[in-house]
C-alpha atoms as a PDB file:
ATOM      1  CA  UNK A   1     136.442 240.434 174.094  1.00  0.00           C
ATOM      2  CA  UNK A   2     132.768 241.277 174.684  1.00  0.00           C
ATOM      3  CA  UNK A   3     131.052 243.793 172.466  1.00  0.00           C
ATOM      4  CA  UNK A   4     130.531 247.172 174.079  1.00  0.00           C
ATOM      5  CA  UNK A   5     127.041 248.596 174.486  1.00  0.00           C
ATOM      6  CA  UNK A   6     127.407 251.035 171.598  1.00  0.00           C
ATOM      7  CA  UNK A   7     128.244 248.219 169.170  1.00  0.00           C
ATOM      8  CA  UNK A   8     125.264 246.172 170.345  1.00  0.00           C
ATOM      9  CA  UNK A   9     122.847 249.087 170.109  1.00  0.00           C
ATOM     10  CA  UNK A  10     123.920 250.092 166.619  1.00  0.00           C
ATOM     11  CA  UNK A  11     123.802 246.463 165.461  1.00  0.00           C
ATOM     12  CA  UNK A  12     120.174 246.301 166.602  1.00  0.00           C
ATOM     13  CA  UNK A  13     119.461 249.548 164.786  1.00  0.00           C
ATOM     14  CA  UNK A  14     120.841 248.168 161.529  1.00  0.00           C
ATOM     15  CA  UNK A  15     118.778 245.003 161.883  1.00  0.00           C
ATOM     16  CA  UNK A  16     115.617 247.042 162.412  1.00  0.00           C
ATOM     17  CA  UNK A  17     116.417 249.097 159.342  1.00  0.00           C
ATOM     18  CA  UNK A  18     116.894 245.884 157.354  1.00  0.00           C
ATOM     19  CA  UNK A  19     113.417 244.733 158.401  1.00  0.00           C
ATOM     20  CA  UNK A  20     111.976 248.124 157.462  1.00  0.00           C
ATOM     21  CA  UNK A  21     113.523 247.916 154.008  1.00  0.00           C
ATOM     22  CA  UNK A  22     112.152 244.402 153.607  1.00  0.00           C
ATOM     23  CA  UNK A  23     108.606 245.524 154.442  1.00  0.00           C
ATOM     24  CA  UNK A  24     108.888 248.502 152.109  1.00  0.00           C
ATOM     25  CA  UNK A  25     110.234 246.603 149.122  1.00  0.00           C
ATOM     26  CA  UNK A  26     108.257 243.369 149.496  1.00  0.00           C
ATOM     27  CA  UNK A  27     104.736 243.587 150.916  1.00  0.00           C
ATOM     28  CA  UNK A  28     104.476 239.803 151.130  1.00  0.00           C
ATOM     29  CA  UNK A  29     107.209 239.883 153.795  1.00  0.00           C
ATOM     30  CA  UNK A  30     105.127 242.006 156.155  1.00  0.00           C
ATOM     31  CA  UNK A  31     103.251 239.240 158.044  1.00  0.00           C
ATOM     32  CA  UNK A  32     106.609 237.791 159.092  1.00  0.00           C
ATOM     33  CA  UNK A  33     108.790 240.895 159.324  1.00  0.00           C
ATOM     34  CA  UNK A  34     106.388 243.161 161.203  1.00  0.00           C
ATOM     35  CA  UNK A  35     105.869 241.031 164.346  1.00  0.00           C
ATOM     36  CA  UNK A  36     109.616 240.410 164.416  1.00  0.00           C
ATOM     37  CA  UNK A  37     110.399 244.118 164.155  1.00  0.00           C
ATOM     38  CA  UNK A  38     107.827 245.046 166.817  1.00  0.00           C
ATOM     39  CA  UNK A  39     109.106 242.412 169.256  1.00  0.00           C
ATOM     40  CA  UNK A  40     112.726 243.310 168.589  1.00  0.00           C
ATOM     41  CA  UNK A  41     112.094 247.026 169.092  1.00  0.00           C
ATOM     42  CA  UNK A  42     110.213 246.441 172.342  1.00  0.00           C
ATOM     43  CA  UNK A  43     112.943 244.204 173.785  1.00  0.00           C
ATOM     44  CA  UNK A  44     115.651 246.615 172.637  1.00  0.00           C
ATOM     45  CA  UNK A  45     113.813 249.579 174.165  1.00  0.00           C
ATOM     46  CA  UNK A  46     113.083 247.945 177.508  1.00  0.00           C
ATOM     47  CA  UNK A  47     116.669 246.733 177.859  1.00  0.00           C
ATOM     48  CA  UNK A  48     117.882 250.261 177.117  1.00  0.00           C
ATOM     49  CA  UNK A  49     115.532 251.778 179.679  1.00  0.00           C
ATOM     50  CA  UNK A  50     116.598 249.337 182.377  1.00  0.00           C
ATOM     51  CA  UNK A  51     120.304 248.916 181.642  1.00  0.00           C
ATOM     52  CA  UNK A  52     121.577 251.811 179.520  1.00  0.00           C
ATOM     53  CA  UNK A  53     119.573 254.970 180.102  1.00  0.00           C
ATOM     54  CA  UNK A  54     120.221 255.074 183.878  1.00  0.00           C
ATOM     55  CA  UNK A  55     123.955 255.151 183.096  1.00  0.00           C
ATOM     56  CA  UNK A  56     123.356 257.727 180.385  1.00  0.00           C
ATOM     57  CA  UNK A  57     121.496 259.930 182.864  1.00  0.00           C
ATOM     58  CA  UNK A  58     123.735 259.554 185.906  1.00  0.00           C
ATOM     59  CA  UNK A  59     127.173 258.864 184.492  1.00  0.00           C
ATOM     60  CA  UNK A  60     127.017 260.887 181.281  1.00  0.00           C
ATOM     61  CA  UNK A  61     124.820 263.678 182.662  1.00  0.00           C
ATOM     62  CA  UNK A  62     122.146 263.240 179.980  1.00  0.00           C
ATOM     63  CA  UNK A  63     119.094 262.870 182.213  1.00  0.00           C
ATOM     64  CA  UNK A  64     116.723 265.003 180.118  1.00  0.00           C
ATOM     65  CA  UNK A  65     117.834 263.293 176.924  1.00  0.00           C
ATOM     66  CA  UNK A  66     117.331 259.837 178.468  1.00  0.00           C
ATOM     67  CA  UNK A  67     113.806 260.810 179.549  1.00  0.00           C
ATOM     68  CA  UNK A  68     113.013 262.124 176.070  1.00  0.00           C
ATOM     69  CA  UNK A  69     114.330 258.926 174.473  1.00  0.00           C
ATOM     70  CA  UNK A  70     112.173 256.846 176.827  1.00  0.00           C
ATOM     71  CA  UNK A  71     109.105 258.810 175.761  1.00  0.00           C
ATOM     72  CA  UNK A  72     109.973 258.127 172.122  1.00  0.00           C
ATOM     73  CA  UNK A  73     110.221 254.413 172.952  1.00  0.00           C
ATOM     74  CA  UNK A  74     106.715 254.399 174.393  1.00  0.00           C
ATOM     75  CA  UNK A  75     105.292 256.231 171.391  1.00  0.00           C
ATOM     76  CA  UNK A  76     106.950 253.818 168.958  1.00  0.00           C
ATOM     77  CA  UNK A  77     105.796 250.836 171.013  1.00  0.00           C
ATOM     78  CA  UNK A  78     102.198 252.045 170.833  1.00  0.00           C
ATOM     79  CA  UNK A  79     102.432 252.638 167.071  1.00  0.00           C
ATOM     80  CA  UNK A  80     103.933 249.193 166.473  1.00  0.00           C
ATOM     81  CA  UNK A  81     101.206 247.403 168.424  1.00  0.00           C
ATOM     82  CA  UNK A  82      98.563 249.315 166.479  1.00  0.00           C
ATOM     83  CA  UNK A  83     100.121 248.125 163.209  1.00  0.00           C
ATOM     84  CA  UNK A  84      99.797 244.507 164.316  1.00  0.00           C
ATOM     85  CA  UNK A  85      96.023 244.969 164.502  1.00  0.00           C
ATOM     86  CA  UNK A  86      95.688 246.452 160.996  1.00  0.00           C
ATOM     87  CA  UNK A  87      95.153 244.890 157.581  1.00  0.00           C
ATOM     88  CA  UNK A  88      98.680 244.814 156.190  1.00  0.00           C
ATOM     89  CA  UNK A  89      97.396 245.046 152.611  1.00  0.00           C
ATOM     90  CA  UNK A  90      95.414 248.253 153.208  1.00  0.00           C
ATOM     91  CA  UNK A  91      96.363 251.790 152.240  1.00  0.00           C
ATOM     92  CA  UNK A  92      95.915 252.836 155.870  1.00  0.00           C
ATOM     93  CA  UNK A  93      98.534 250.277 156.858  1.00  0.00           C
ATOM     94  CA  UNK A  94     100.994 251.712 154.318  1.00  0.00           C
ATOM     95  CA  UNK A  95     100.588 255.158 155.845  1.00  0.00           C
ATOM     96  CA  UNK A  96     100.812 253.955 159.446  1.00  0.00           C
ATOM     97  CA  UNK A  97     103.831 251.790 158.654  1.00  0.00           C
ATOM     98  CA  UNK A  98     105.659 254.736 157.118  1.00  0.00           C
ATOM     99  CA  UNK A  99     104.858 256.908 160.142  1.00  0.00           C
ATOM    100  CA  UNK A 100     106.149 254.220 162.485  1.00  0.00           C
ATOM    101  CA  UNK A 101     109.346 253.688 160.505  1.00  0.00           C
ATOM    102  CA  UNK A 102     109.923 257.470 160.362  1.00  0.00           C
ATOM    103  CA  UNK A 103     109.457 257.750 164.138  1.00  0.00           C
ATOM    104  CA  UNK A 104     111.869 254.897 164.823  1.00  0.00           C
ATOM    105  CA  UNK A 105     114.416 256.247 162.349  1.00  0.00           C
ATOM    106  CA  UNK A 106     114.226 259.686 163.986  1.00  0.00           C
ATOM    107  CA  UNK A 107     114.899 258.094 167.362  1.00  0.00           C
ATOM    108  CA  UNK A 108     117.805 256.052 165.983  1.00  0.00           C
ATOM    109  CA  UNK A 109     119.407 259.136 164.441  1.00  0.00           C
ATOM    110  CA  UNK A 110     119.097 261.121 167.677  1.00  0.00           C
ATOM    111  CA  UNK A 111     120.525 258.250 169.673  1.00  0.00           C
ATOM    112  CA  UNK A 112     123.464 257.603 167.363  1.00  0.00           C
ATOM    113  CA  UNK A 113     124.287 261.288 166.778  1.00  0.00           C
ATOM    114  CA  UNK A 114     123.831 262.561 170.331  1.00  0.00           C
ATOM    115  CA  UNK A 115     123.303 259.987 173.083  1.00  0.00           C
ATOM    116  CA  UNK A 116     125.784 257.299 172.147  1.00  0.00           C
ATOM    117  CA  UNK A 117     128.652 259.770 171.546  1.00  0.00           C
ATOM    118  CA  UNK A 118     127.931 261.250 174.996  1.00  0.00           C
ATOM    119  CA  UNK A 119     128.045 257.776 176.499  1.00  0.00           C
ATOM    120  CA  UNK A 120     131.331 256.955 174.759  1.00  0.00           C
ATOM    121  CA  UNK A 121     132.894 260.216 175.917  1.00  0.00           C
ATOM    122  CA  UNK A 122     131.839 259.807 179.558  1.00  0.00           C
ATOM    123  CA  UNK A 123     132.541 256.092 180.115  1.00  0.00           C
ATOM    124  CA  UNK A 124     135.704 254.079 179.703  1.00  0.00           C
ATOM    125  CA  UNK A 125     135.997 250.934 177.574  1.00  0.00           C
ATOM    126  CA  UNK A 126     135.531 248.547 180.501  1.00  0.00           C
ATOM    127  CA  UNK A 127     132.325 250.263 181.592  1.00  0.00           C
ATOM    128  CA  UNK A 128     130.964 250.233 178.036  1.00  0.00           C
ATOM    129  CA  UNK A 129     131.604 246.489 177.839  1.00  0.00           C
ATOM    130  CA  UNK A 130     129.907 245.993 181.195  1.00  0.00           C
ATOM    131  CA  UNK A 131     126.868 247.877 179.948  1.00  0.00           C
ATOM    132  CA  UNK A 132     126.955 245.781 176.783  1.00  0.00           C
ATOM    133  CA  UNK A 133     126.736 242.568 178.788  1.00  0.00           C
ATOM    134  CA  UNK A 134     123.889 243.978 180.868  1.00  0.00           C
ATOM    135  CA  UNK A 135     121.995 245.188 177.795  1.00  0.00           C
ATOM    136  CA  UNK A 136     122.369 241.814 176.055  1.00  0.00           C
ATOM    137  CA  UNK A 137     121.140 239.960 179.146  1.00  0.00           C
ATOM    138  CA  UNK A 138     118.131 242.230 179.626  1.00  0.00           C
ATOM    139  CA  UNK A 139     117.239 242.107 175.942  1.00  0.00           C
ATOM    140  CA  UNK A 140     117.312 238.296 176.034  1.00  0.00           C
ATOM    141  CA  UNK A 141     115.004 238.316 179.063  1.00  0.00           C
ATOM    142  CA  UNK A 142     112.586 240.675 177.306  1.00  0.00           C
ATOM    143  CA  UNK A 143     112.526 238.567 174.127  1.00  0.00           C
ATOM    144  CA  UNK A 144     111.792 235.498 176.250  1.00  0.00           C
ATOM    145  CA  UNK A 145     108.912 237.295 177.964  1.00  0.00           C
ATOM    146  CA  UNK A 146     110.652 237.278 181.333  1.00  0.00           C
ATOM    147  CA  UNK A 147     110.486 240.178 183.812  1.00  0.00           C
ATOM    148  CA  UNK A 148     113.547 242.383 183.489  1.00  0.00           C
ATOM    149  CA  UNK A 149     115.852 242.426 186.494  1.00  0.00           C
ATOM    150  CA  UNK A 150     118.883 244.662 186.638  1.00  0.00           C
ATOM    151  CA  UNK A 151     122.146 243.179 187.871  1.00  0.00           C
ATOM    152  CA  UNK A 152     122.620 242.878 191.621  1.00  0.00           C
ATOM    153  CA  UNK A 153     119.097 241.935 192.643  1.00  0.00           C
ATOM    154  CA  UNK A 154     117.257 245.094 191.688  1.00  0.00           C
ATOM    155  CA  UNK A 155     120.222 247.430 191.546  1.00  0.00           C
ATOM    156  CA  UNK A 156     120.801 249.358 188.363  1.00  0.00           C
ATOM    157  CA  UNK A 157     123.908 249.306 186.216  1.00  0.00           C
ATOM    158  CA  UNK A 158     125.159 252.390 188.029  1.00  0.00           C
ATOM    159  CA  UNK A 159     124.960 250.643 191.403  1.00  0.00           C
ATOM    160  CA  UNK A 160     121.893 252.512 192.619  1.00  0.00           C
ATOM    161  CA  UNK A 161     118.389 251.305 193.342  1.00  0.00           C
ATOM    162  CA  UNK A 162     115.842 252.430 190.765  1.00  0.00           C
ATOM    163  CA  UNK A 163     112.049 252.416 190.980  1.00  0.00           C
ATOM    164  CA  UNK A 164     111.973 251.206 187.372  1.00  0.00           C
ATOM    165  CA  UNK A 165     113.701 247.911 188.227  1.00  0.00           C
ATOM    166  CA  UNK A 166     111.652 244.749 188.330  1.00  0.00           C
ATOM    167  CA  UNK A 167     112.666 243.438 191.713  1.00  0.00           C
ATOM    168  CA  UNK A 168     112.433 240.108 193.476  1.00  0.00           C
ATOM    169  CA  UNK A 169     110.461 238.785 196.389  1.00  0.00           C
ATOM    170  CA  UNK A 170     111.795 241.531 198.655  1.00  0.00           C
ATOM    171  CA  UNK A 171     109.124 243.732 197.063  1.00  0.00           C
ATOM    172  CA  UNK A 172     106.372 241.463 198.325  1.00  0.00           C
ATOM    173  CA  UNK A 173     104.162 243.129 200.921  1.00  0.00           C
ATOM    174  CA  UNK A 174     100.599 242.945 202.163  1.00  0.00           C
ATOM    175  CA  UNK A 175      99.396 243.667 198.616  1.00  0.00           C
ATOM    176  CA  UNK A 176     100.416 240.090 197.850  1.00  0.00           C
ATOM    177  CA  UNK A 177     102.195 240.679 194.527  1.00  0.00           C
ATOM    178  CA  UNK A 178     105.786 241.556 193.744  1.00  0.00           C
ATOM    179  CA  UNK A 179     106.631 244.350 191.350  1.00  0.00           C
ATOM    180  CA  UNK A 180     107.887 241.726 188.889  1.00  0.00           C
ATOM    181  CA  UNK A 181     104.462 240.056 188.890  1.00  0.00           C
ATOM    182  CA  UNK A 182     102.717 243.393 188.392  1.00  0.00           C
ATOM    183  CA  UNK A 183     105.161 244.257 185.613  1.00  0.00           C
ATOM    184  CA  UNK A 184     104.306 241.013 183.817  1.00  0.00           C
ATOM    185  CA  UNK A 185     100.596 241.832 184.056  1.00  0.00           C
ATOM    186  CA  UNK A 186     101.238 245.342 182.748  1.00  0.00           C
ATOM    187  CA  UNK A 187     103.178 243.891 179.819  1.00  0.00           C
ATOM    188  CA  UNK A 188     100.327 241.509 178.966  1.00  0.00           C
ATOM    189  CA  UNK A 189      97.812 244.357 179.200  1.00  0.00           C
ATOM    190  CA  UNK A 190      99.911 246.595 176.954  1.00  0.00           C
ATOM    191  CA  UNK A 191     100.287 249.349 179.559  1.00  0.00           C
ATOM    192  CA  UNK A 192     102.622 252.003 178.204  1.00  0.00           C
ATOM    193  CA  UNK A 193     105.405 253.459 180.330  1.00  0.00           C
ATOM    194  CA  UNK A 194     105.454 250.424 182.623  1.00  0.00           C
ATOM    195  CA  UNK A 195     109.248 250.306 182.792  1.00  0.00           C
ATOM    196  CA  UNK A 196     109.332 253.717 184.502  1.00  0.00           C
ATOM    197  CA  UNK A 197     106.626 252.929 187.088  1.00  0.00           C
ATOM    198  CA  UNK A 198     107.171 251.904 190.695  1.00  0.00           C
ATOM    199  CA  UNK A 199     105.195 249.101 192.283  1.00  0.00           C
ATOM    200  CA  UNK A 200     102.277 251.244 193.480  1.00  0.00           C
ATOM    201  CA  UNK A 201     101.926 252.913 190.076  1.00  0.00           C
ATOM    202  CA  UNK A 202     101.971 249.542 188.333  1.00  0.00           C
ATOM    203  CA  UNK A 203      99.305 248.176 190.697  1.00  0.00           C
ATOM    204  CA  UNK A 204      97.104 251.207 190.039  1.00  0.00           C
ATOM    205  CA  UNK A 205      97.437 250.998 186.243  1.00  0.00           C
ATOM    206  CA  UNK A 206      96.924 247.209 186.180  1.00  0.00           C
ATOM    207  CA  UNK A 207      93.798 247.583 188.317  1.00  0.00           C
ATOM    208  CA  UNK A 208      92.435 250.261 185.983  1.00  0.00           C
ATOM    209  CA  UNK A 209      93.211 248.213 182.860  1.00  0.00           C
ATOM    210  CA  UNK A 210      91.698 245.030 184.251  1.00  0.00           C
ATOM    211  CA  UNK A 211      88.610 246.944 185.332  1.00  0.00           C
ATOM    212  CA  UNK A 212      88.263 248.391 181.862  1.00  0.00           C
ATOM    213  CA  UNK A 213      88.404 244.930 180.299  1.00  0.00           C
ATOM    214  CA  UNK A 214      85.770 243.553 182.606  1.00  0.00           C
END
């Protein structure tokens, strides 16, 4: 039997906490553990935003909570990327690392104490397993650096079209680029909040970021 989404999410949380403990107790582990933790958190977060939070909002009635959790993802993602640019032996790094770990731990506690119980109460076992399969697939795509596509060719896990989905060639228009291509550019440019943007918003932010680099 497949793991349900709650099991998969909490397993990821425990693995992140293990990496945090490793970086706290053994500074020499940081060059290896930090990039792993940052990549894992980003993939976990993007898979949640694409495959879990829409169900949380629409099927469990937790729309405001899902939006708040997404905002926490973006904040933690920004903090993690900043850490990768710092000297991991510096005192400033110690402080920033602790702030990042505290922010992630706060998010994990909110999710496990409030959001996941709401999801379990609202959805039956079969639906939770379905969401688990979708989350695992999306997380694998994110870890591989592939554009995230919800099941059903751009349709979310709740069966509805979402502007946050990375869609296929059907999104191609006279602008010449699909949303998936723009999403990949936004990912490379480190644009925050990209998973919640539609195609026009992504194009605008990518254009601004590329202009700023030039």
